[in-house]
C-alpha atoms as a PDB file:
ATOM      1  CA  VAL A   1       6.535   3.755  31.759  1.00  0.00           C
ATOM      2  CA  LEU A   2       8.842   2.415  29.011  1.00  0.00           C
ATOM      3  CA  ARG A   3      12.463   4.527  29.510  1.00  0.00           C
ATOM      4  CA  SER A   4      14.897   5.082  27.664  1.00  0.00           C
ATOM      5  CA  ALA A   5      18.278   6.737  28.191  1.00  0.00           C
ATOM      6  CA  ALA A   6      21.582   7.181  26.218  1.00  0.00           C
ATOM      7  CA  ILE A   7      24.105   4.542  28.194  1.00  0.00           C
ATOM      8  CA  PRO A   8      27.278   5.321  29.495  1.00  0.00           C
ATOM      9  CA  VAL A   9      30.507   2.708  28.528  1.00  0.00           C
ATOM     10  CA  ILE A  10      31.628   1.115  31.378  1.00  0.00           C
ATOM     11  CA  ARG A  11      32.948  -2.250  31.354  1.00  0.00           C
ATOM     12  CA  LEU A  12      36.147  -2.860  30.869  1.00  0.00           C
ATOM     13  CA  PHE A  13      36.572  -4.422  27.815  1.00  0.00           C
ATOM     14  CA  TYR A  14      34.338  -1.932  26.572  1.00  0.00           C
ATOM     15  CA  LEU A  15      37.481  -0.408  25.636  1.00  0.00           C
ATOM     16  CA  LEU A  16      38.022  -3.059  22.794  1.00  0.00           C
ATOM     17  CA  PRO A  17      37.460  -0.951  18.935  1.00  0.00           C
ATOM     18  CA  LEU A  18      34.197  -0.855  18.781  1.00  0.00           C
ATOM     19  CA  LEU A  19      34.309  -2.458  14.936  1.00  0.00           C
ATOM     20  CA  VAL A  20      36.638  -5.488  13.855  1.00  0.00           C
ATOM     21  CA  LEU A  21      35.794  -5.885  10.084  1.00  0.00           C
ATOM     22  CA  ALA A  22      36.549  -9.280   9.189  1.00  0.00           C
ATOM     23  CA  ARG A  23      37.379  -8.335   5.707  1.00  0.00           C
ATOM     24  CA  VAL A  24      37.904  -4.749   3.845  1.00  0.00           C
ATOM     25  CA  SER A  25      34.718  -3.336   2.605  1.00  0.00           C
ATOM     26  CA  ALA A  26      33.328  -0.091   0.551  1.00  0.00           C
ATOM     27  CA  ALA A  27      31.221   0.311   3.658  1.00  0.00           C
ATOM     28  CA  GLN A  28      31.279   0.884   7.411  1.00  0.00           C
ATOM     29  CA  PRO A  29      29.251   0.671   9.744  1.00  0.00           C
ATOM     30  CA  VAL A  30      30.287   3.942  11.946  1.00  0.00           C
ATOM     31  CA  LEU A  31      27.757   2.553  15.797  1.00  0.00           C
ATOM     32  CA  ASP A  32      25.718   6.599  15.944  1.00  0.00           C
ATOM     33  CA  SER A  33      24.313   5.539  19.530  1.00  0.00           C
ATOM     34  CA  GLU A  34      22.772   2.729  21.980  1.00  0.00           C
ATOM     35  CA  ILE A  35      20.130   3.355  24.471  1.00  0.00           C
ATOM     36  CA  LEU A  36      18.650   1.469  26.956  1.00  0.00           C
ATOM     37  CA  LEU A  37      14.741  -0.030  27.344  1.00  0.00           C
ATOM     38  CA  SER A  38      13.203  -0.625  30.309  1.00  0.00           C
ATOM     39  CA  SER A  39       9.424  -0.963  31.078  1.00  0.00           C
ATOM     40  CA  ASN A  40       6.978  -2.275  33.700  1.00  0.00           C
ATOM     41  CA  GLU A  41       4.788  -4.037  31.133  1.00  0.00           C
ATOM     42  CA  PRO A  42       4.951  -7.863  32.292  1.00  0.00           C
ATOM     43  CA  PHE A  43       5.583  -8.646  28.522  1.00  0.00           C
ATOM     44  CA  PHE A  44       7.872  -6.395  27.822  1.00  0.00           C
ATOM     45  CA  GLY A  45      11.175  -7.720  26.868  1.00  0.00           C
ATOM     46  CA  GLY A  46      12.365 -10.229  24.261  1.00  0.00           C
ATOM     47  CA  PHE A  47      12.968  -8.001  21.019  1.00  0.00           C
ATOM     48  CA  SER A  48      14.049 -10.660  17.703  1.00  0.00           C
ATOM     49  CA  ALA A  49      12.605  -8.533  14.997  1.00  0.00           C
ATOM     50  CA  LEU A  50      12.745  -4.723  14.225  1.00  0.00           C
ATOM     51  CA  HIS A  51      11.334  -2.683  10.881  1.00  0.00           C
ATOM     52  CA  VAL A  52      11.874   1.143  11.359  1.00  0.00           C
ATOM     53  CA  ALA A  53      10.016   3.357   9.668  1.00  0.00           C
ATOM     54  CA  ASP A  54       9.373   7.183   8.003  1.00  0.00           C
ATOM     55  CA  GLN A  55      13.037   8.080   7.626  1.00  0.00           C
ATOM     56  CA  GLY A  56      14.276   7.688  11.046  1.00  0.00           C
ATOM     57  CA  ARG A  57      10.915   8.177  12.653  1.00  0.00           C
ATOM     58  CA  ARG A  58       8.825   5.220  13.649  1.00  0.00           C
ATOM     59  CA  PHE A  59       9.071   1.557  14.717  1.00  0.00           C
ATOM     60  CA  ILE A  60       8.016  -1.397  15.720  1.00  0.00           C
ATOM     61  CA  ALA A  61       9.253  -4.449  17.012  1.00  0.00           C
ATOM     62  CA  VAL A  62       8.078  -7.857  17.900  1.00  0.00           C
ATOM     63  CA  SER A  63       8.582  -9.867  21.083  1.00  0.00           C
ATOM     64  CA  ASP A  64       8.966 -13.543  21.588  1.00  0.00           C
ATOM     65  CA  ARG A  65       5.831 -13.524  24.115  1.00  0.00           C
ATOM     66  CA  GLY A  66       3.489 -13.039  20.865  1.00  0.00           C
ATOM     67  CA  HIS A  67       3.584  -9.558  21.441  1.00  0.00           C
ATOM     68  CA  LEU A  68       4.729  -5.909  18.982  1.00  0.00           C
ATOM     69  CA  LEU A  69       5.915  -2.891  20.984  1.00  0.00           C
ATOM     70  CA  ARG A  70       5.263   0.282  18.506  1.00  0.00           C
ATOM     71  CA  GLY A  71       6.801   4.237  18.981  1.00  0.00           C
ATOM     72  CA  THR A  72       7.863   7.026  17.717  1.00  0.00           C
ATOM     73  CA  MET A  73      11.885   7.856  17.772  1.00  0.00           C
ATOM     74  CA  ARG A  74      13.340  11.395  19.702  1.00  0.00           C
ATOM     75  CA  ARG A  75      16.191  11.877  17.635  1.00  0.00           C
ATOM     76  CA  GLY A  76      18.769  15.244  18.344  1.00  0.00           C
ATOM     77  CA  ASP A  77      19.543  17.772  14.994  1.00  0.00           C
ATOM     78  CA  ASP A  78      22.208  15.454  14.135  1.00  0.00           C
ATOM     79  CA  GLY A  79      20.474  12.467  13.973  1.00  0.00           C
ATOM     80  CA  ARG A  80      20.814  10.201  16.196  1.00  0.00           C
ATOM     81  CA  LEU A  81      19.722   8.457  18.484  1.00  0.00           C
ATOM     82  CA  LEU A  82      18.230   9.970  21.427  1.00  0.00           C
ATOM     83  CA  GLY A  83      15.157   7.626  23.128  1.00  0.00           C
ATOM     84  CA  ILE A  84      12.094   6.036  22.406  1.00  0.00           C
ATOM     85  CA  ASP A  85       8.399   7.008  22.452  1.00  0.00           C
ATOM     86  CA  PRO A  86       6.088   3.892  22.613  1.00  0.00           C
ATOM     87  CA  LEU A  87       3.152   2.773  22.844  1.00  0.00           C
ATOM     88  CA  PRO A  88       1.938  -0.054  24.902  1.00  0.00           C
ATOM     89  CA  LEU A  89       2.211  -3.479  23.887  1.00  0.00           C
ATOM     90  CA  LEU A  90      -0.242  -5.175  20.990  1.00  0.00           C
ATOM     91  CA  PRO A  91      -0.634  -8.712  20.698  1.00  0.00           C
ATOM     92  CA  ILE A  92       0.223 -10.554  17.875  1.00  0.00           C
ATOM     93  CA  LEU A  93      -3.510 -12.343  17.050  1.00  0.00           C
ATOM     94  CA  ASP A  94      -4.320 -15.737  15.771  1.00  0.00           C
ATOM     95  CA  THR A  95      -6.631 -16.905  12.597  1.00  0.00           C
ATOM     96  CA  LYS A  96      -9.513 -16.301  14.445  1.00  0.00           C
ATOM     97  CA  GLY A  97      -8.570 -12.248  16.108  1.00  0.00           C
ATOM     98  CA  GLN A  98      -7.504 -14.278  19.063  1.00  0.00           C
ATOM     99  CA  PRO A  99      -4.019 -13.370  20.834  1.00  0.00           C
ATOM    100  CA  LEU A 100      -1.583 -16.152  20.596  1.00  0.00           C
ATOM    101  CA  GLY A 101      -0.998 -18.515  23.650  1.00  0.00           C
ATOM    102  CA  GLY A 102       1.373 -21.149  24.070  1.00  0.00           C
ATOM    103  CA  HIS A 103       3.775 -22.788  21.994  1.00  0.00           C
ATOM    104  CA  ASP A 104       2.347 -20.427  19.020  1.00  0.00           C
ATOM    105  CA  THR A 105       3.625 -17.515  21.138  1.00  0.00           C
ATOM    106  CA  ASP A 106       7.923 -17.810  19.479  1.00  0.00           C
ATOM    107  CA  ALA A 107       7.768 -15.532  17.289  1.00  0.00           C
ATOM    108  CA  GLU A 108      11.027 -14.227  16.381  1.00  0.00           C
ATOM    109  CA  GLY A 109      11.321 -12.480  12.167  1.00  0.00           C
ATOM    110  CA  LEU A 110       9.289  -9.731  11.038  1.00  0.00           C
ATOM    111  CA  ALA A 111       8.874  -7.895   7.354  1.00  0.00           C
ATOM    112  CA  ILE A 112       6.773  -4.888   6.086  1.00  0.00           C
ATOM    113  CA  GLY A 113       4.810  -5.652   2.617  1.00  0.00           C
ATOM    114  CA  PRO A 114       5.570  -2.881  -0.554  1.00  0.00           C
ATOM    115  CA  ASP A 115       1.514  -2.596   0.632  1.00  0.00           C
ATOM    116  CA  GLY A 116       2.502  -2.412   4.635  1.00  0.00           C
ATOM    117  CA  SER A 117       1.474  -5.077   5.416  1.00  0.00           C
ATOM    118  CA  LEU A 118       3.382  -7.373   8.111  1.00  0.00           C
ATOM    119  CA  TYR A 119       4.819 -10.353   7.505  1.00  0.00           C
ATOM    120  CA  ILE A 120       5.697 -12.498  11.153  1.00  0.00           C
ATOM    121  CA  SER A 121       8.267 -15.781  11.259  1.00  0.00           C
ATOM    122  CA  PHE A 122       7.557 -17.756  13.774  1.00  0.00           C
ATOM    123  CA  GLU A 123      10.098 -20.477  15.432  1.00  0.00           C
ATOM    124  CA  SER A 124       8.857 -23.147  17.653  1.00  0.00           C
ATOM    125  CA  ASN A 125       5.740 -23.607  15.112  1.00  0.00           C
ATOM    126  CA  HIS A 126       7.827 -22.561  12.895  1.00  0.00           C
ATOM    127  CA  ARG A 127       5.075 -20.866  10.295  1.00  0.00           C
ATOM    128  CA  ILE A 128       4.852 -16.782   8.789  1.00  0.00           C
ATOM    129  CA  MET A 129       2.282 -15.321   8.780  1.00  0.00           C
ATOM    130  CA  ARG A 130       0.486 -11.965   7.232  1.00  0.00           C
ATOM    131  CA  HIS A 131      -1.151  -8.844   8.998  1.00  0.00           C
ATOM    132  CA  ALA A 132      -2.981  -6.356   6.649  1.00  0.00           C
ATOM    133  CA  THR A 133      -2.229  -4.153  10.157  1.00  0.00           C
ATOM    134  CA  PRO A 134      -0.757  -4.833  13.545  1.00  0.00           C
ATOM    135  CA  GLU A 135      -4.850  -4.877  15.057  1.00  0.00           C
ATOM    136  CA  SER A 136      -5.584  -7.288  12.329  1.00  0.00           C
ATOM    137  CA  ALA A 137      -5.476 -11.127  12.262  1.00  0.00           C
ATOM    138  CA  ALA A 138      -3.311 -12.837  10.536  1.00  0.00           C
ATOM    139  CA  GLU A 139      -3.828 -15.089   7.854  1.00  0.00           C
ATOM    140  CA  PHE A 140      -1.520 -18.676   7.057  1.00  0.00           C
ATOM    141  CA  LEU A 141       1.069 -18.233   4.774  1.00  0.00           C
ATOM    142  CA  PRO A 142       1.753 -21.873   2.512  1.00  0.00           C
ATOM    143  CA  LYS A 143       4.569 -23.695   4.293  1.00  0.00           C
ATOM    144  CA  HIS A 144       7.856 -25.385   3.032  1.00  0.00           C
ATOM    145  CA  PRO A 145       8.079 -28.802   2.965  1.00  0.00           C
ATOM    146  CA  ASP A 146      10.930 -28.185   5.134  1.00  0.00           C
ATOM    147  CA  PHE A 147       9.716 -26.133   7.445  1.00  0.00           C
ATOM    148  CA  ARG A 148       7.909 -29.465   8.927  1.00  0.00           C
ATOM    149  CA  VAL A 149      11.595 -30.304   9.855  1.00  0.00           C
ATOM    150  CA  LEU A 150      13.209 -27.278  11.203  1.00  0.00           C
ATOM    151  CA  GLN A 151      15.063 -28.228  14.548  1.00  0.00           C
ATOM    152  CA  ILE A 152      13.149 -26.878  17.178  1.00  0.00           C
ATOM    153  CA  ASN A 153      14.230 -23.016  18.986  1.00  0.00           C
ATOM    154  CA  SER A 154      16.214 -22.954  15.938  1.00  0.00           C
ATOM    155  CA  GLY A 155      13.403 -22.278  13.335  1.00  0.00           C
ATOM    156  CA  LEU A 156      12.505 -19.085  11.361  1.00  0.00           C
ATOM    157  CA  GLU A 157      14.856 -16.768  12.547  1.00  0.00           C
ATOM    158  CA  ALA A 158      15.104 -14.028   9.531  1.00  0.00           C
ATOM    159  CA  LEU A 159      12.743 -12.458   7.709  1.00  0.00           C
ATOM    160  CA  ALA A 160      12.969  -9.851   4.250  1.00  0.00           C
ATOM    161  CA  THR A 161      10.857  -7.939   1.897  1.00  0.00           C
ATOM    162  CA  GLY A 162      11.810  -6.732  -1.349  1.00  0.00           C
ATOM    163  CA  PRO A 163      10.313  -3.792  -2.652  1.00  0.00           C
ATOM    164  CA  ASP A 164       8.700  -6.059  -5.793  1.00  0.00           C
ATOM    165  CA  GLY A 165       7.016  -8.065  -2.693  1.00  0.00           C
ATOM    166  CA  VAL A 166       9.208 -11.685  -2.901  1.00  0.00           C
ATOM    167  CA  ILE A 167       9.825 -12.229   0.904  1.00  0.00           C
ATOM    168  CA  TYR A 168      13.306 -14.033   2.092  1.00  0.00           C
ATOM    169  CA  THR A 169      13.576 -16.313   4.558  1.00  0.00           C
ATOM    170  CA  ILE A 170      16.180 -17.678   6.508  1.00  0.00           C
ATOM    171  CA  PRO A 171      16.024 -20.416   9.765  1.00  0.00           C
ATOM    172  CA  GLU A 172      18.671 -20.130  11.895  1.00  0.00           C
ATOM    173  CA  ARG A 173      20.987 -23.075  11.545  1.00  0.00           C
ATOM    174  CA  SER A 174      21.520 -24.854   8.345  1.00  0.00           C
ATOM    175  CA  GLY A 175      22.137 -28.492  10.180  1.00  0.00           C
ATOM    176  CA  ASP A 176      24.928 -28.459   9.212  1.00  0.00           C
ATOM    177  CA  LEU A 177      28.745 -26.813   9.641  1.00  0.00           C
ATOM    178  CA  ALA A 178      29.724 -27.028   6.779  1.00  0.00           C
ATOM    179  CA  ARG A 179      26.207 -26.603   4.894  1.00  0.00           C
ATOM    180  CA  PRO A 180      25.043 -23.316   3.405  1.00  0.00           C
ATOM    181  CA  PHE A 181      22.261 -21.255   4.977  1.00  0.00           C
ATOM    182  CA  THR A 182      19.105 -22.000   3.339  1.00  0.00           C
ATOM    183  CA  VAL A 183      17.195 -18.601   1.847  1.00  0.00           C
ATOM    184  CA  TYR A 184      13.791 -20.193   1.310  1.00  0.00           C
ATOM    185  CA  ARG A 185      12.142 -17.144  -1.290  1.00  0.00           C
ATOM    186  CA  PHE A 186       8.318 -17.148  -1.413  1.00  0.00           C
ATOM    187  CA  ILE A 187       7.368 -15.203  -4.960  1.00  0.00           C
ATOM    188  CA  ASP A 188       3.692 -15.642  -6.771  1.00  0.00           C
ATOM    189  CA  GLY A 189       2.411 -17.349  -3.800  1.00  0.00           C
ATOM    190  CA  ALA A 190       4.758 -20.315  -3.785  1.00  0.00           C
ATOM    191  CA  TRP A 191       8.384 -20.789  -1.656  1.00  0.00           C
ATOM    192  CA  ASP A 192      11.872 -21.367  -4.045  1.00  0.00           C
ATOM    193  CA  THR A 193      15.114 -22.914  -2.260  1.00  0.00           C
ATOM    194  CA  ALA A 194      17.320 -21.945  -6.017  1.00  0.00           C
ATOM    195  CA  LEU A 195      19.486 -18.939  -3.361  1.00  0.00           C
ATOM    196  CA  SER A 196      21.894 -20.180  -0.003  1.00  0.00           C
ATOM    197  CA  ILE A 197      24.204 -18.250   2.081  1.00  0.00           C
ATOM    198  CA  PRO A 198      28.157 -19.724   3.171  1.00  0.00           C
ATOM    199  CA  ARG A 199      28.033 -20.537   6.687  1.00  0.00           C
ATOM    200  CA  GLU A 200      31.233 -18.907   8.219  1.00  0.00           C
ATOM    201  CA  PRO A 201      30.846 -20.542  11.900  1.00  0.00           C
ATOM    202  CA  PRO A 202      30.191 -19.726  15.292  1.00  0.00           C
ATOM    203  CA  TYR A 203      28.262 -17.370  13.536  1.00  0.00           C
ATOM    204  CA  LEU A 204      23.864 -18.596  13.017  1.00  0.00           C
ATOM    205  CA  VAL A 205      21.544 -16.372  11.788  1.00  0.00           C
ATOM    206  CA  VAL A 206      18.771 -13.761  13.532  1.00  0.00           C
ATOM    207  CA  GLY A 207      17.763 -11.446  10.992  1.00  0.00           C
ATOM    208  CA  ALA A 208      17.878 -10.194   7.734  1.00  0.00           C
ATOM    209  CA  ASP A 209      17.000  -6.619   5.715  1.00  0.00           C
ATOM    210  CA  VAL A 210      17.362  -6.137   2.773  1.00  0.00           C
ATOM    211  CA  PHE A 211      18.410  -2.837   1.741  1.00  0.00           C
ATOM    212  CA  GLU A 212      18.378  -0.864  -2.160  1.00  0.00           C
ATOM    213  CA  GLY A 213      19.767  -4.044  -3.643  1.00  0.00           C
ATOM    214  CA  TYR A 214      21.129  -5.990  -1.013  1.00  0.00           C
ATOM    215  CA  LEU A 215      20.368  -8.855   1.863  1.00  0.00           C
ATOM    216  CA  TYR A 216      21.397  -7.476   4.961  1.00  0.00           C
ATOM    217  CA  VAL A 217      22.002 -10.875   7.360  1.00  0.00           C
ATOM    218  CA  LEU A 218      22.265 -10.366  10.726  1.00  0.00           C
ATOM    219  CA  GLU A 219      24.967 -13.325  12.570  1.00  0.00           C
ATOM    220  CA  ARG A 220      25.922 -14.063  16.414  1.00  0.00           C
ATOM    221  CA  HIS A 221      27.488 -16.364  18.472  1.00  0.00           C
ATOM    222  CA  LEU A 222      27.516 -16.804  22.437  1.00  0.00           C
ATOM    223  CA  GLY A 223      31.349 -17.006  23.266  1.00  0.00           C
ATOM    224  CA  GLY A 224      29.876 -18.377  27.554  1.00  0.00           C
ATOM    225  CA  PHE A 225      30.248 -16.100  29.954  1.00  0.00           C
ATOM    226  CA  VAL A 226      32.156 -13.527  27.866  1.00  0.00           C
ATOM    227  CA  GLY A 227      28.918 -12.135  26.665  1.00  0.00           C
ATOM    228  CA  PHE A 228      27.515 -12.001  22.438  1.00  0.00           C
ATOM    229  CA  SER A 229      29.809 -11.068  18.844  1.00  0.00           C
ATOM    230  CA  THR A 230      27.804  -9.791  16.758  1.00  0.00           C
ATOM    231  CA  ARG A 231      28.197 -10.268  12.036  1.00  0.00           C
ATOM    232  CA  ILE A 232      26.278  -8.406   9.614  1.00  0.00           C
ATOM    233  CA  ARG A 233      27.299 -10.010   5.720  1.00  0.00           C
ATOM    234  CA  ARG A 234      25.900  -7.722   3.161  1.00  0.00           C
ATOM    235  CA  PHE A 235      24.609  -9.922  -0.392  1.00  0.00           C
ATOM    236  CA  ALA A 236      24.049  -8.909  -3.809  1.00  0.00           C
ATOM    237  CA  LEU A 237      20.872  -9.684  -4.968  1.00  0.00           C
ATOM    238  CA  ALA A 238      20.875  -9.035  -8.499  1.00  0.00           C
ATOM    239  CA  ASP A 239      24.225 -11.812  -7.839  1.00  0.00           C
ATOM    240  CA  ASP A 240      21.996 -15.028  -6.371  1.00  0.00           C
ATOM    241  CA  LEU A 241      23.992 -13.903  -3.691  1.00  0.00           C
ATOM    242  CA  ALA A 242      26.890 -14.880  -4.756  1.00  0.00           C
ATOM    243  CA  SER A 243      28.679 -12.286  -3.800  1.00  0.00           C
ATOM    244  CA  GLY A 244      28.835 -11.341  -0.993  1.00  0.00           C
ATOM    245  CA  GLU A 245      31.259  -9.220   2.177  1.00  0.00           C
ATOM    246  CA  THR A 246      30.985  -8.657   6.022  1.00  0.00           C
ATOM    247  CA  LEU A 247      30.218  -5.581   7.404  1.00  0.00           C
ATOM    248  CA  LEU A 248      31.317  -5.565  10.731  1.00  0.00           C
ATOM    249  CA  GLU A 249      31.972  -7.643  13.835  1.00  0.00           C
ATOM    250  CA  THR A 250      32.235  -6.756  17.315  1.00  0.00           C
ATOM    251  CA  PRO A 251      34.692  -7.667  19.620  1.00  0.00           C
ATOM    252  CA  TYR A 252      32.833 -10.212  22.526  1.00  0.00           C
ATOM    253  CA  GLY A 253      30.558  -8.699  25.391  1.00  0.00           C
ATOM    254  CA  ARG A 254      30.060  -5.108  23.345  1.00  0.00           C
ATOM    255  CA  PHE A 255      26.619  -5.714  22.437  1.00  0.00           C
ATOM    256  CA  ASP A 256      23.876  -7.917  24.169  1.00  0.00           C
ATOM    257  CA  ASN A 257      21.840 -10.295  21.937  1.00  0.00           C
ATOM    258  CA  LEU A 258      21.243  -8.862  18.687  1.00  0.00           C
ATOM    259  CA  GLU A 259      18.358 -10.214  17.251  1.00  0.00           C
ATOM    260  CA  GLY A 260      16.866  -7.650  14.548  1.00  0.00           C
ATOM    261  CA  ILE A 261      18.059  -4.842  11.591  1.00  0.00           C
ATOM    262  CA  SER A 262      16.650  -2.971  10.173  1.00  0.00           C
ATOM    263  CA  LEU A 263      18.372  -0.893   7.323  1.00  0.00           C
ATOM    264  CA  TRP A 264      16.799   2.848   5.976  1.00  0.00           C
ATOM    265  CA  ARG A 265      17.413   6.238   5.540  1.00  0.00           C
ATOM    266  CA  ASP A 266      17.449   9.620   7.129  1.00  0.00           C
ATOM    267  CA  PRO A 267      16.081  12.737   5.712  1.00  0.00           C
ATOM    268  CA  ASP A 268      20.418  13.823   4.682  1.00  0.00           C
ATOM    269  CA  GLY A 269      20.308  10.662   2.651  1.00  0.00           C
ATOM    270  CA  ILE A 270      22.564   8.963   5.347  1.00  0.00           C
ATOM    271  CA  ALA A 271      21.895   5.192   5.457  1.00  0.00           C
ATOM    272  CA  ARG A 272      21.538   4.362   9.487  1.00  0.00           C
ATOM    273  CA  ILE A 273      21.406   0.524  10.131  1.00  0.00           C
ATOM    274  CA  THR A 274      18.910  -0.119  13.481  1.00  0.00           C
ATOM    275  CA  LEU A 275      19.759  -3.677  15.657  1.00  0.00           C
ATOM    276  CA  ILE A 276      18.074  -4.469  18.897  1.00  0.00           C
ATOM    277  CA  SER A 277      18.054  -6.890  20.988  1.00  0.00           C
ATOM    278  CA  ASP A 278      16.712  -9.414  22.736  1.00  0.00           C
ATOM    279  CA  ASP A 279      17.018  -9.462  26.296  1.00  0.00           C
ATOM    280  CA  ASN A 280      15.473 -13.390  26.745  1.00  0.00           C
ATOM    281  CA  PHE A 281      14.364 -12.366  29.942  1.00  0.00           C
ATOM    282  CA  GLN A 282      17.395 -12.380  31.515  1.00  0.00           C
ATOM    283  CA  PHE A 283      17.805  -9.513  34.753  1.00  0.00           C
ATOM    284  CA  PHE A 284      21.014 -10.023  33.492  1.00  0.00           C
ATOM    285  CA  GLN A 285      20.733  -8.907  29.387  1.00  0.00           C
ATOM    286  CA  ARG A 286      19.512  -5.845  28.723  1.00  0.00           C
ATOM    287  CA  ASP A 287      16.913  -4.164  25.438  1.00  0.00           C
ATOM    288  CA  GLN A 288      19.272  -2.266  23.924  1.00  0.00           C
ATOM    289  CA  ILE A 289      18.788   0.090  20.456  1.00  0.00           C
ATOM    290  CA  VAL A 290      21.860  -0.149  18.994  1.00  0.00           C
ATOM    291  CA  GLU A 291      21.773   2.857  15.657  1.00  0.00           C
ATOM    292  CA  PHE A 292      25.255   2.700  13.403  1.00  0.00           C
ATOM    293  CA  ARG A 293      25.692   5.267  10.161  1.00  0.00           C
ATOM    294  CA  LEU A 294      26.894   2.932   7.010  1.00  0.00           C
ATOM    295  CA  THR A 295      29.298   4.763   5.223  1.00  0.00           C
ATOM    296  CA  ASP A 296      31.102   4.798   1.530  1.00  0.00           C
END
């Protein structure tokens, strides 16, 4: 049975400030809750992307072992996340309606289209698949030629859709420390590469979401034994991503390997950022959901 519970602050480095803002921003994420997830299911873990729906009541996440986790979110009267009530894991299906296997399971990005269809991006076998429902067989989106030469284990990490149905995807690495990250954009059945965001080492891209005219990009860096640092940047779509700001940069070790991001508004109109971690199926890492309120 899957369990979730609010966790205490117990490590010494947790006494560090919760948020370190790399530059002044009008919008500031304020930590609201963090929970741990656990399960006896053998494929539970490795959560690389997340979508929160129904004003924070429902969610769906993808695992890099080729599964979907769906369920409801339990919240207090103030909207604070208290836990989740999950459904059993659901395998991601291939184009023949069979569960993915082997080299094809490494799902990294998730986006929900305006019609409710699911888009899932993968690395290793770099591609994007569309599912009409979580239980549906996949359809392949066309590949941009660049997808065939992306680095191993550094492929299409971030995936997002806008309200107009435009799909955005970003690889984990740009190919050079001084080279911007290409933002591949799928419009009217074809990809373009007109957009990019600056690369600011040492962080790498792991997730993205489109929310109220901005592209939010989740990044992380592993600082060796001290753990992970998480960063969130956002870029105005109206400015063709030329305008960017850093909203969040956390101390190393404060959270685990946060790879999935979803932005939404609760019934009171408060904007929230929900993040989920990939534990890499390692006993020393944690499956975690972290949630912030976004204050203006």
